[in-house]
Amino acid sequence: MYIIVGLGNPSKEYEGTRHNVGFDVIDTLADQYNIDVTTKKHRAYIGKGIVAGQKVILAKPQTFMNLSGESVRSLLDYYKIDPENELIIIYDDVSLDVGQLRIRAKGSAGGHNGIKSIISHVGGQVFLRIKVGVGEKPKNYDLADYVLGHFSKGEREMMEEGYRNAVHAIELMVSDETETAMNEYNRKKKDEGK
């Protein structure tokens, strides 16, 4: 069984912001597989279902980003999940172009407070993750203001494609094909024409 966690901030005011792309991917996945993610448990909204033939729990922590690890720890403990092999975290990344994905099996928080919280609560940096690009912060822009801002119409269309790609990456990852997912999505968009 896999626990698939999309990071974001709860409440209406954060819907559709760059920092909430993890929630948006979970919503896209839930829609595609008809999984209801409305049960409130483990300080998250969760839903159980099957993705690509695997049992999954989808989760959207309601702790606010900086405390995401509290919810993830509770889920891991309750469901007796091995974080190194059965946990997938989806979150925003300002170092990637809008809608671009990067899949990793481990790594540092890279300045992301949600991931920092998860690393500290899980007790290590080894867990699967899908970073979803939200574009680089413009010069003289406050990072918090940027990630809590909304996408333009054009960016939103690129993000929709990114969400669909993230769903496909998740399908590969739960089918034990993380390497395939990495090969498919861990390249710059510009490389595709070569």
N, C-alpha and C. Protein backbone atom coordinates (compact mmCIF):
# COMPACT_ATOMS: atom_id res chain seq x y z
N MET A 1 0.85 -1.20 0.00
CA MET A 1 0.00 0.00 0.00
C MET A 1 0.89 1.25 0.00
N TYR A 2 0.41 2.27 -0.68
CA TYR A 2 1.14 3.54 -0.74
C TYR A 2 0.34 4.64 -0.07
N ILE A 3 1.05 5.54 0.60
CA ILE A 3 0.44 6.78 1.06
C ILE A 3 0.96 7.88 0.15
N ILE A 4 0.05 8.56 -0.51
CA ILE A 4 0.40 9.62 -1.45
C ILE A 4 -0.09 10.94 -0.86
N VAL A 5 0.85 11.81 -0.54
CA VAL A 5 0.54 13.05 0.17
C VAL A 5 0.83 14.25 -0.72
N GLY A 6 -0.18 15.08 -0.92
CA GLY A 6 0.02 16.35 -1.62
C GLY A 6 0.10 17.46 -0.59
N LEU A 7 1.12 18.30 -0.68
CA LEU A 7 1.29 19.37 0.30
C LEU A 7 0.58 20.64 -0.14
N GLY A 8 0.09 21.38 0.85
CA GLY A 8 -0.58 22.64 0.60
C GLY A 8 -1.00 23.26 1.91
N ASN A 9 -1.73 24.35 1.83
CA ASN A 9 -2.27 25.00 3.02
C ASN A 9 -3.78 24.89 2.99
N PRO A 10 -4.38 24.60 4.16
CA PRO A 10 -5.84 24.51 4.20
C PRO A 10 -6.50 25.89 4.09
N SER A 11 -7.75 25.91 3.83
CA SER A 11 -8.64 27.08 3.77
C SER A 11 -8.71 27.67 2.36
N LYS A 12 -9.87 28.26 2.08
CA LYS A 12 -10.21 28.78 0.75
C LYS A 12 -9.18 29.75 0.19
N GLU A 13 -8.63 30.62 1.07
CA GLU A 13 -7.75 31.67 0.57
C GLU A 13 -6.50 31.14 -0.14
N TYR A 14 -6.12 29.88 0.12
CA TYR A 14 -4.91 29.32 -0.48
C TYR A 14 -5.20 28.46 -1.71
N GLU A 15 -6.47 28.23 -2.00
CA GLU A 15 -6.81 27.39 -3.16
C GLU A 15 -6.24 27.97 -4.44
N GLY A 16 -5.63 27.11 -5.25
CA GLY A 16 -5.11 27.55 -6.53
C GLY A 16 -3.81 28.32 -6.49
N THR A 17 -3.18 28.42 -5.29
CA THR A 17 -1.90 29.12 -5.20
C THR A 17 -0.76 28.18 -5.59
N ARG A 18 0.40 28.75 -5.85
CA ARG A 18 1.57 27.95 -6.22
C ARG A 18 1.93 26.94 -5.13
N HIS A 19 1.78 27.35 -3.89
CA HIS A 19 2.16 26.49 -2.76
C HIS A 19 1.21 25.30 -2.60
N ASN A 20 0.05 25.33 -3.28
CA ASN A 20 -0.94 24.27 -3.11
C ASN A 20 -0.98 23.28 -4.26
N VAL A 21 0.06 23.23 -5.08
CA VAL A 21 0.02 22.31 -6.22
C VAL A 21 -0.06 20.85 -5.77
N GLY A 22 0.46 20.54 -4.59
CA GLY A 22 0.34 19.16 -4.08
C GLY A 22 -1.12 18.77 -3.92
N PHE A 23 -1.92 19.69 -3.34
CA PHE A 23 -3.36 19.44 -3.21
C PHE A 23 -4.00 19.26 -4.58
N ASP A 24 -3.58 20.11 -5.54
CA ASP A 24 -4.18 20.07 -6.89
C ASP A 24 -3.89 18.74 -7.59
N VAL A 25 -2.68 18.20 -7.39
CA VAL A 25 -2.35 16.89 -7.98
C VAL A 25 -3.20 15.80 -7.34
N ILE A 26 -3.35 15.86 -6.01
CA ILE A 26 -4.19 14.86 -5.32
C ILE A 26 -5.63 14.94 -5.85
N ASP A 27 -6.13 16.16 -6.04
CA ASP A 27 -7.50 16.32 -6.56
C ASP A 27 -7.63 15.73 -7.97
N THR A 28 -6.62 15.95 -8.82
CA THR A 28 -6.63 15.42 -10.18
C THR A 28 -6.62 13.89 -10.15
N LEU A 29 -5.76 13.33 -9.29
CA LEU A 29 -5.65 11.87 -9.14
C LEU A 29 -6.97 11.29 -8.60
N ALA A 30 -7.52 11.96 -7.58
CA ALA A 30 -8.77 11.51 -6.97
C ALA A 30 -9.92 11.51 -7.98
N ASP A 31 -9.97 12.57 -8.80
CA ASP A 31 -11.02 12.64 -9.84
C ASP A 31 -10.87 11.49 -10.83
N GLN A 32 -9.65 11.26 -11.27
CA GLN A 32 -9.41 10.23 -12.28
C GLN A 32 -9.76 8.83 -11.77
N TYR A 33 -9.49 8.57 -10.49
CA TYR A 33 -9.72 7.24 -9.93
C TYR A 33 -10.96 7.17 -9.03
N ASN A 34 -11.74 8.24 -9.06
CA ASN A 34 -12.99 8.27 -8.30
C ASN A 34 -12.78 7.96 -6.81
N ILE A 35 -11.81 8.63 -6.21
CA ILE A 35 -11.51 8.46 -4.79
C ILE A 35 -11.99 9.70 -4.04
N ASP A 36 -12.78 9.48 -3.02
CA ASP A 36 -13.34 10.58 -2.23
C ASP A 36 -12.35 10.95 -1.12
N VAL A 37 -11.78 12.16 -1.21
CA VAL A 37 -10.76 12.59 -0.24
C VAL A 37 -11.40 13.59 0.73
N THR A 38 -12.36 13.12 1.52
CA THR A 38 -13.06 14.04 2.44
C THR A 38 -13.09 13.55 3.89
N THR A 39 -12.54 12.37 4.16
CA THR A 39 -12.51 11.87 5.54
C THR A 39 -11.44 12.61 6.31
N LYS A 40 -11.81 13.17 7.47
CA LYS A 40 -10.83 13.94 8.25
C LYS A 40 -10.21 13.02 9.30
N LYS A 41 -8.94 12.67 9.10
CA LYS A 41 -8.21 11.81 10.02
C LYS A 41 -6.74 12.18 9.93
N HIS A 42 -6.00 11.96 11.01
CA HIS A 42 -4.55 12.18 11.02
C HIS A 42 -4.19 13.61 10.60
N ARG A 43 -5.01 14.56 11.01
CA ARG A 43 -4.81 15.98 10.70
C ARG A 43 -4.72 16.21 9.18
N ALA A 44 -5.51 15.43 8.44
CA ALA A 44 -5.53 15.53 6.98
C ALA A 44 -6.90 15.14 6.45
N TYR A 45 -7.17 15.52 5.20
CA TYR A 45 -8.29 14.91 4.48
C TYR A 45 -7.70 13.72 3.76
N ILE A 46 -8.31 12.54 3.96
CA ILE A 46 -7.77 11.35 3.31
C ILE A 46 -8.87 10.62 2.54
N GLY A 47 -8.43 9.80 1.60
CA GLY A 47 -9.33 8.95 0.84
C GLY A 47 -8.60 7.67 0.49
N LYS A 48 -9.32 6.53 0.51
CA LYS A 48 -8.72 5.24 0.17
C LYS A 48 -9.23 4.81 -1.19
N GLY A 49 -8.35 4.17 -1.95
CA GLY A 49 -8.76 3.68 -3.25
C GLY A 49 -7.69 2.84 -3.89
N ILE A 50 -7.86 2.61 -5.19
CA ILE A 50 -6.91 1.82 -5.97
C ILE A 50 -6.40 2.70 -7.11
N VAL A 51 -5.09 2.77 -7.27
CA VAL A 51 -4.46 3.49 -8.38
C VAL A 51 -3.52 2.51 -9.07
N ALA A 52 -3.71 2.32 -10.36
CA ALA A 52 -2.88 1.41 -11.15
C ALA A 52 -2.75 0.04 -10.47
N GLY A 53 -3.87 -0.44 -9.92
CA GLY A 53 -3.89 -1.77 -9.31
C GLY A 53 -3.33 -1.85 -7.90
N GLN A 54 -2.91 -0.72 -7.34
CA GLN A 54 -2.33 -0.71 -5.99
C GLN A 54 -3.27 0.00 -5.01
N LYS A 55 -3.35 -0.53 -3.78
CA LYS A 55 -4.10 0.16 -2.73
C LYS A 55 -3.34 1.43 -2.37
N VAL A 56 -4.08 2.53 -2.27
CA VAL A 56 -3.45 3.80 -1.90
C VAL A 56 -4.30 4.55 -0.89
N ILE A 57 -3.63 5.41 -0.15
CA ILE A 57 -4.32 6.40 0.67
C ILE A 57 -3.85 7.75 0.16
N LEU A 58 -4.78 8.58 -0.27
CA LEU A 58 -4.46 9.93 -0.71
C LEU A 58 -4.66 10.85 0.49
N ALA A 59 -3.75 11.79 0.68
CA ALA A 59 -3.85 12.67 1.85
C ALA A 59 -3.50 14.11 1.51
N LYS A 60 -4.29 15.02 2.10
CA LYS A 60 -4.03 16.46 2.00
C LYS A 60 -3.95 16.99 3.43
N PRO A 61 -2.73 17.10 3.99
CA PRO A 61 -2.58 17.56 5.38
C PRO A 61 -3.27 18.92 5.59
N GLN A 62 -3.90 19.05 6.75
CA GLN A 62 -4.61 20.29 7.10
C GLN A 62 -3.88 21.04 8.21
N THR A 63 -2.58 20.82 8.31
CA THR A 63 -1.78 21.38 9.41
C THR A 63 -1.14 22.71 9.07
N PHE A 64 -1.29 23.17 7.83
CA PHE A 64 -0.50 24.25 7.24
C PHE A 64 0.88 23.67 6.89
N MET A 65 1.42 24.21 5.82
CA MET A 65 2.62 23.67 5.18
C MET A 65 3.75 23.36 6.15
N ASN A 66 4.08 24.31 7.03
CA ASN A 66 5.27 24.17 7.88
C ASN A 66 5.17 23.04 8.89
N LEU A 67 3.97 22.48 9.08
CA LEU A 67 3.77 21.39 10.04
C LEU A 67 3.32 20.10 9.35
N SER A 68 3.52 20.01 8.05
CA SER A 68 3.07 18.84 7.28
C SER A 68 3.56 17.51 7.86
N GLY A 69 4.75 17.52 8.42
CA GLY A 69 5.34 16.30 8.96
C GLY A 69 4.51 15.66 10.06
N GLU A 70 3.78 16.49 10.84
CA GLU A 70 2.95 15.95 11.93
C GLU A 70 1.88 15.03 11.36
N SER A 71 1.23 15.46 10.30
CA SER A 71 0.19 14.66 9.66
C SER A 71 0.79 13.41 9.02
N VAL A 72 1.90 13.58 8.30
CA VAL A 72 2.55 12.45 7.62
C VAL A 72 2.98 11.39 8.64
N ARG A 73 3.58 11.82 9.75
CA ARG A 73 4.01 10.88 10.80
C ARG A 73 2.82 10.08 11.33
N SER A 74 1.71 10.75 11.58
CA SER A 74 0.51 10.09 12.09
C SER A 74 0.00 9.03 11.10
N LEU A 75 0.01 9.37 9.81
CA LEU A 75 -0.41 8.41 8.76
C LEU A 75 0.53 7.20 8.72
N LEU A 76 1.83 7.46 8.75
CA LEU A 76 2.81 6.37 8.69
C LEU A 76 2.65 5.42 9.87
N ASP A 77 2.48 5.99 11.07
CA ASP A 77 2.35 5.18 12.27
C ASP A 77 1.07 4.35 12.24
N TYR A 78 -0.02 4.96 11.84
CA TYR A 78 -1.31 4.27 11.85
C TYR A 78 -1.36 3.13 10.83
N TYR A 79 -0.87 3.40 9.63
CA TYR A 79 -0.96 2.40 8.56
C TYR A 79 0.28 1.52 8.45
N LYS A 80 1.26 1.72 9.34
CA LYS A 80 2.49 0.91 9.36
C LYS A 80 3.15 0.89 7.97
N ILE A 81 3.38 2.07 7.45
CA ILE A 81 3.95 2.23 6.12
C ILE A 81 5.45 2.49 6.21
N ASP A 82 6.21 1.89 5.31
CA ASP A 82 7.65 2.11 5.22
C ASP A 82 7.87 3.38 4.39
N PRO A 83 8.33 4.48 5.02
CA PRO A 83 8.45 5.74 4.28
C PRO A 83 9.43 5.67 3.10
N GLU A 84 10.43 4.78 3.18
CA GLU A 84 11.42 4.73 2.10
C GLU A 84 10.86 4.15 0.81
N ASN A 85 9.83 3.31 0.91
CA ASN A 85 9.32 2.62 -0.28
C ASN A 85 7.84 2.86 -0.57
N GLU A 86 7.08 3.31 0.42
CA GLU A 86 5.63 3.37 0.24
C GLU A 86 5.01 4.75 0.50
N LEU A 87 5.86 5.76 0.54
CA LEU A 87 5.38 7.12 0.76
C LEU A 87 5.78 7.96 -0.45
N ILE A 88 4.83 8.71 -1.00
CA ILE A 88 5.11 9.62 -2.11
C ILE A 88 4.61 11.01 -1.70
N ILE A 89 5.49 11.99 -1.75
CA ILE A 89 5.13 13.37 -1.39
C ILE A 89 5.15 14.23 -2.66
N ILE A 90 4.11 15.03 -2.84
CA ILE A 90 4.02 15.92 -4.01
C ILE A 90 4.00 17.36 -3.51
N TYR A 91 4.87 18.19 -4.10
CA TYR A 91 4.95 19.57 -3.62
C TYR A 91 5.50 20.51 -4.69
N ASP A 92 5.38 21.80 -4.42
CA ASP A 92 5.80 22.85 -5.36
C ASP A 92 7.31 23.07 -5.30
N ASP A 93 7.87 23.49 -6.45
CA ASP A 93 9.30 23.78 -6.52
C ASP A 93 9.51 25.03 -7.38
N VAL A 94 10.13 26.06 -6.79
CA VAL A 94 10.35 27.32 -7.50
C VAL A 94 11.58 27.27 -8.41
N SER A 95 12.35 26.18 -8.34
CA SER A 95 13.53 26.11 -9.21
C SER A 95 13.22 25.39 -10.52
N LEU A 96 11.98 24.94 -10.70
CA LEU A 96 11.58 24.27 -11.94
C LEU A 96 10.61 25.15 -12.72
N ASP A 97 10.65 25.03 -14.05
CA ASP A 97 9.70 25.78 -14.90
C ASP A 97 8.27 25.36 -14.58
N VAL A 98 7.34 26.22 -14.89
CA VAL A 98 5.92 25.98 -14.62
C VAL A 98 5.48 24.65 -15.25
N GLY A 99 4.94 23.76 -14.41
CA GLY A 99 4.41 22.49 -14.88
C GLY A 99 5.44 21.39 -15.07
N GLN A 100 6.73 21.71 -14.94
CA GLN A 100 7.78 20.69 -15.11
C GLN A 100 7.85 19.82 -13.86
N LEU A 101 8.15 18.53 -14.03
CA LEU A 101 8.26 17.62 -12.89
C LEU A 101 9.71 17.22 -12.65
N ARG A 102 10.01 16.90 -11.40
CA ARG A 102 11.28 16.26 -11.07
C ARG A 102 10.96 15.22 -10.00
N ILE A 103 11.37 14.00 -10.25
CA ILE A 103 11.09 12.89 -9.34
C ILE A 103 12.38 12.48 -8.66
N ARG A 104 12.32 12.32 -7.35
CA ARG A 104 13.50 11.94 -6.57
C ARG A 104 13.11 10.84 -5.58
N ALA A 105 14.11 10.01 -5.22
CA ALA A 105 13.89 8.97 -4.21
C ALA A 105 14.37 9.43 -2.85
N LYS A 106 15.12 10.54 -2.83
CA LYS A 106 15.63 11.08 -1.56
C LYS A 106 16.20 12.47 -1.82
N GLY A 107 16.57 13.15 -0.75
CA GLY A 107 17.21 14.46 -0.90
C GLY A 107 16.89 15.38 0.26
N SER A 108 17.54 16.52 0.24
CA SER A 108 17.33 17.51 1.30
C SER A 108 16.01 18.25 1.06
N ALA A 109 15.68 19.13 1.98
CA ALA A 109 14.44 19.91 1.87
C ALA A 109 14.56 20.99 0.81
N GLY A 110 15.79 21.39 0.48
CA GLY A 110 15.98 22.43 -0.53
C GLY A 110 15.27 23.72 -0.19
N GLY A 111 15.16 24.04 1.10
CA GLY A 111 14.51 25.28 1.51
C GLY A 111 13.00 25.19 1.59
N HIS A 112 12.41 24.02 1.30
CA HIS A 112 10.94 23.89 1.35
C HIS A 112 10.52 23.50 2.76
N ASN A 113 9.75 24.36 3.42
CA ASN A 113 9.41 24.13 4.83
C ASN A 113 8.54 22.90 5.06
N GLY A 114 7.69 22.58 4.12
CA GLY A 114 6.86 21.37 4.26
C GLY A 114 7.73 20.12 4.27
N ILE A 115 8.71 20.09 3.36
CA ILE A 115 9.62 18.94 3.27
C ILE A 115 10.54 18.90 4.49
N LYS A 116 10.97 20.07 4.96
CA LYS A 116 11.80 20.15 6.17
C LYS A 116 11.06 19.50 7.34
N SER A 117 9.78 19.81 7.46
CA SER A 117 8.95 19.26 8.54
C SER A 117 8.81 17.73 8.39
N ILE A 118 8.61 17.27 7.17
CA ILE A 118 8.46 15.82 6.94
C ILE A 118 9.77 15.09 7.26
N ILE A 119 10.89 15.63 6.79
CA ILE A 119 12.20 15.01 7.08
C ILE A 119 12.40 14.88 8.59
N SER A 120 12.07 15.93 9.32
CA SER A 120 12.29 15.89 10.77
C SER A 120 11.34 14.89 11.45
N HIS A 121 10.11 14.76 10.98
CA HIS A 121 9.16 13.82 11.61
C HIS A 121 9.35 12.38 11.14
N VAL A 122 9.81 12.20 9.92
CA VAL A 122 10.02 10.84 9.39
C VAL A 122 11.37 10.31 9.86
N GLY A 123 12.29 11.23 10.15
CA GLY A 123 13.59 10.83 10.66
C GLY A 123 14.59 10.50 9.57
N GLY A 124 14.38 11.04 8.39
CA GLY A 124 15.33 10.81 7.31
C GLY A 124 14.89 11.46 6.02
N GLN A 125 15.80 11.47 5.05
CA GLN A 125 15.54 12.15 3.77
C GLN A 125 15.17 11.17 2.66
N VAL A 126 15.04 9.88 2.99
CA VAL A 126 14.77 8.88 1.95
C VAL A 126 13.27 8.60 1.88
N PHE A 127 12.62 9.27 0.94
CA PHE A 127 11.22 8.97 0.60
C PHE A 127 10.98 9.53 -0.80
N LEU A 128 10.08 8.89 -1.52
CA LEU A 128 9.79 9.29 -2.90
C LEU A 128 9.11 10.65 -2.92
N ARG A 129 9.45 11.44 -3.92
CA ARG A 129 8.83 12.76 -4.02
C ARG A 129 8.68 13.17 -5.47
N ILE A 130 7.64 13.93 -5.71
CA ILE A 130 7.43 14.54 -7.02
C ILE A 130 7.38 16.04 -6.81
N LYS A 131 8.37 16.72 -7.38
CA LYS A 131 8.38 18.19 -7.32
C LYS A 131 7.66 18.69 -8.57
N VAL A 132 6.76 19.64 -8.36
CA VAL A 132 6.02 20.22 -9.49
C VAL A 132 6.45 21.68 -9.63
N GLY A 133 7.01 22.01 -10.77
CA GLY A 133 7.52 23.36 -10.98
C GLY A 133 6.44 24.42 -10.99
N VAL A 134 6.72 25.53 -10.30
CA VAL A 134 5.77 26.66 -10.29
C VAL A 134 6.44 27.91 -10.86
N GLY A 135 7.65 27.75 -11.40
CA GLY A 135 8.35 28.89 -11.99
C GLY A 135 9.19 29.63 -10.96
N GLU A 136 10.22 30.28 -11.48
CA GLU A 136 11.14 31.01 -10.61
C GLU A 136 10.53 32.31 -10.13
N LYS A 137 10.83 32.65 -8.89
CA LYS A 137 10.36 33.90 -8.29
C LYS A 137 10.99 35.08 -9.02
N PRO A 138 10.19 36.06 -9.43
CA PRO A 138 10.76 37.25 -10.07
C PRO A 138 11.68 38.00 -9.11
N LYS A 139 12.66 38.72 -9.65
CA LYS A 139 13.57 39.52 -8.83
C LYS A 139 12.77 40.50 -7.96
N ASN A 140 13.29 40.81 -6.79
CA ASN A 140 12.69 41.75 -5.84
C ASN A 140 11.31 41.32 -5.35
N TYR A 141 11.00 40.05 -5.49
CA TYR A 141 9.71 39.52 -5.04
C TYR A 141 9.96 38.74 -3.76
N ASP A 142 9.10 38.86 -2.80
CA ASP A 142 9.21 38.08 -1.57
C ASP A 142 8.79 36.64 -1.88
N LEU A 143 9.58 35.65 -1.44
CA LEU A 143 9.30 34.25 -1.75
C LEU A 143 7.93 33.83 -1.23
N ALA A 144 7.61 34.20 0.01
CA ALA A 144 6.31 33.82 0.58
C ALA A 144 5.16 34.40 -0.25
N ASP A 145 5.28 35.68 -0.64
CA ASP A 145 4.23 36.30 -1.46
C ASP A 145 4.10 35.57 -2.79
N TYR A 146 5.25 35.18 -3.35
CA TYR A 146 5.24 34.51 -4.66
C TYR A 146 4.54 33.15 -4.59
N VAL A 147 4.95 32.31 -3.63
CA VAL A 147 4.36 30.96 -3.58
C VAL A 147 2.91 30.98 -3.11
N LEU A 148 2.52 32.06 -2.43
CA LEU A 148 1.11 32.16 -2.02
C LEU A 148 0.27 32.92 -3.06
N GLY A 149 0.91 33.25 -4.18
CA GLY A 149 0.21 33.93 -5.28
C GLY A 149 -0.43 32.92 -6.22
N HIS A 150 -1.22 33.43 -7.17
CA HIS A 150 -1.94 32.58 -8.11
C HIS A 150 -1.26 32.57 -9.48
N PHE A 151 -1.56 31.55 -10.25
CA PHE A 151 -1.02 31.42 -11.60
C PHE A 151 -1.78 32.31 -12.57
N SER A 152 -1.07 32.73 -13.62
CA SER A 152 -1.76 33.45 -14.72
C SER A 152 -2.56 32.41 -15.51
N LYS A 153 -3.41 32.88 -16.43
CA LYS A 153 -4.22 31.95 -17.22
C LYS A 153 -3.33 31.00 -18.03
N GLY A 154 -2.28 31.55 -18.65
CA GLY A 154 -1.35 30.73 -19.43
C GLY A 154 -0.63 29.70 -18.57
N GLU A 155 -0.19 30.14 -17.39
CA GLU A 155 0.50 29.23 -16.47
C GLU A 155 -0.45 28.14 -16.00
N ARG A 156 -1.69 28.51 -15.75
CA ARG A 156 -2.68 27.55 -15.27
C ARG A 156 -2.83 26.39 -16.27
N GLU A 157 -2.82 26.72 -17.58
CA GLU A 157 -2.92 25.67 -18.60
C GLU A 157 -1.70 24.75 -18.56
N MET A 158 -0.52 25.34 -18.38
CA MET A 158 0.70 24.52 -18.28
C MET A 158 0.66 23.65 -17.01
N MET A 159 0.10 24.20 -15.94
CA MET A 159 -0.01 23.44 -14.69
C MET A 159 -0.96 22.26 -14.85
N GLU A 160 -2.05 22.46 -15.58
CA GLU A 160 -3.00 21.35 -15.80
C GLU A 160 -2.28 20.17 -16.46
N GLU A 161 -1.42 20.48 -17.43
CA GLU A 161 -0.63 19.42 -18.08
C GLU A 161 0.33 18.80 -17.07
N GLY A 162 0.94 19.65 -16.23
CA GLY A 162 1.83 19.17 -15.18
C GLY A 162 1.12 18.22 -14.22
N TYR A 163 -0.13 18.55 -13.87
CA TYR A 163 -0.91 17.70 -12.96
C TYR A 163 -1.18 16.34 -13.61
N ARG A 164 -1.54 16.36 -14.90
CA ARG A 164 -1.79 15.10 -15.61
C ARG A 164 -0.51 14.26 -15.67
N ASN A 165 0.62 14.93 -15.92
CA ASN A 165 1.90 14.21 -15.94
C ASN A 165 2.23 13.64 -14.57
N ALA A 166 1.93 14.40 -13.52
CA ALA A 166 2.19 13.93 -12.15
C ALA A 166 1.35 12.68 -11.85
N VAL A 167 0.11 12.67 -12.31
CA VAL A 167 -0.75 11.49 -12.12
C VAL A 167 -0.13 10.29 -12.83
N HIS A 168 0.34 10.50 -14.05
CA HIS A 168 0.99 9.42 -14.79
C HIS A 168 2.25 8.94 -14.06
N ALA A 169 3.03 9.88 -13.53
CA ALA A 169 4.24 9.52 -12.77
C ALA A 169 3.87 8.69 -11.55
N ILE A 170 2.80 9.06 -10.86
CA ILE A 170 2.34 8.31 -9.68
C ILE A 170 1.95 6.89 -10.09
N GLU A 171 1.25 6.77 -11.21
CA GLU A 171 0.85 5.43 -11.70
C GLU A 171 2.08 4.56 -11.92
N LEU A 172 3.12 5.14 -12.50
CA LEU A 172 4.36 4.38 -12.71
C LEU A 172 5.02 4.03 -11.38
N MET A 173 5.07 5.00 -10.46
CA MET A 173 5.76 4.80 -9.18
C MET A 173 5.10 3.71 -8.34
N VAL A 174 3.77 3.68 -8.30
CA VAL A 174 3.09 2.65 -7.51
C VAL A 174 3.15 1.29 -8.20
N SER A 175 3.52 1.29 -9.48
CA SER A 175 3.70 0.04 -10.23
C SER A 175 5.15 -0.42 -10.19
N ASP A 176 5.91 0.15 -9.26
CA ASP A 176 7.32 -0.19 -9.07
C ASP A 176 8.17 0.20 -10.29
N GLU A 177 7.81 1.30 -10.91
CA GLU A 177 8.56 1.78 -12.08
C GLU A 177 9.02 3.22 -11.87
N THR A 178 9.55 3.50 -10.68
CA THR A 178 10.02 4.85 -10.36
C THR A 178 11.12 5.27 -11.34
N GLU A 179 11.99 4.32 -11.68
CA GLU A 179 13.08 4.61 -12.62
C GLU A 179 12.52 5.09 -13.97
N THR A 180 11.48 4.42 -14.43
CA THR A 180 10.84 4.80 -15.70
C THR A 180 10.26 6.20 -15.59
N ALA A 181 9.60 6.48 -14.46
CA ALA A 181 9.02 7.82 -14.24
C ALA A 181 10.11 8.88 -14.25
N MET A 182 11.23 8.58 -13.60
CA MET A 182 12.35 9.53 -13.56
C MET A 182 12.88 9.78 -14.98
N ASN A 183 13.07 8.70 -15.74
CA ASN A 183 13.58 8.84 -17.11
C ASN A 183 12.64 9.66 -17.98
N GLU A 184 11.35 9.50 -17.74
CA GLU A 184 10.37 10.21 -18.56
C GLU A 184 10.24 11.69 -18.20
N TYR A 185 10.30 12.00 -16.91
CA TYR A 185 9.97 13.37 -16.47
C TYR A 185 11.14 14.20 -15.96
N ASN A 186 12.28 13.59 -15.63
CA ASN A 186 13.40 14.36 -15.09
C ASN A 186 14.29 14.95 -16.17
N ARG A 187 13.70 15.57 -17.14
CA ARG A 187 14.50 16.25 -18.16
C ARG A 187 13.87 17.60 -18.44
N LYS A 188 14.67 18.50 -18.86
CA LYS A 188 14.18 19.84 -19.17
C LYS A 188 13.29 19.77 -20.40
N LYS A 189 12.24 20.58 -20.41
CA LYS A 189 11.33 20.60 -21.55
C LYS A 189 12.08 20.90 -22.86
N LYS A 190 13.10 21.74 -22.76
CA LYS A 190 13.84 22.15 -23.98
C LYS A 190 14.53 20.96 -24.64
N ASP A 191 14.83 19.91 -23.86
CA ASP A 191 15.53 18.75 -24.40
C ASP A 191 14.68 17.93 -25.35
N GLU A 192 13.36 18.09 -25.26
CA GLU A 192 12.46 17.21 -26.00
C GLU A 192 12.62 17.30 -27.52
N GLY A 193 13.02 18.46 -28.02
CA GLY A 193 13.14 18.62 -29.45
C GLY A 193 14.40 18.02 -30.05
N LYS A 194 15.34 17.59 -29.20
CA LYS A 194 16.64 17.10 -29.69
C LYS A 194 16.58 15.68 -30.19
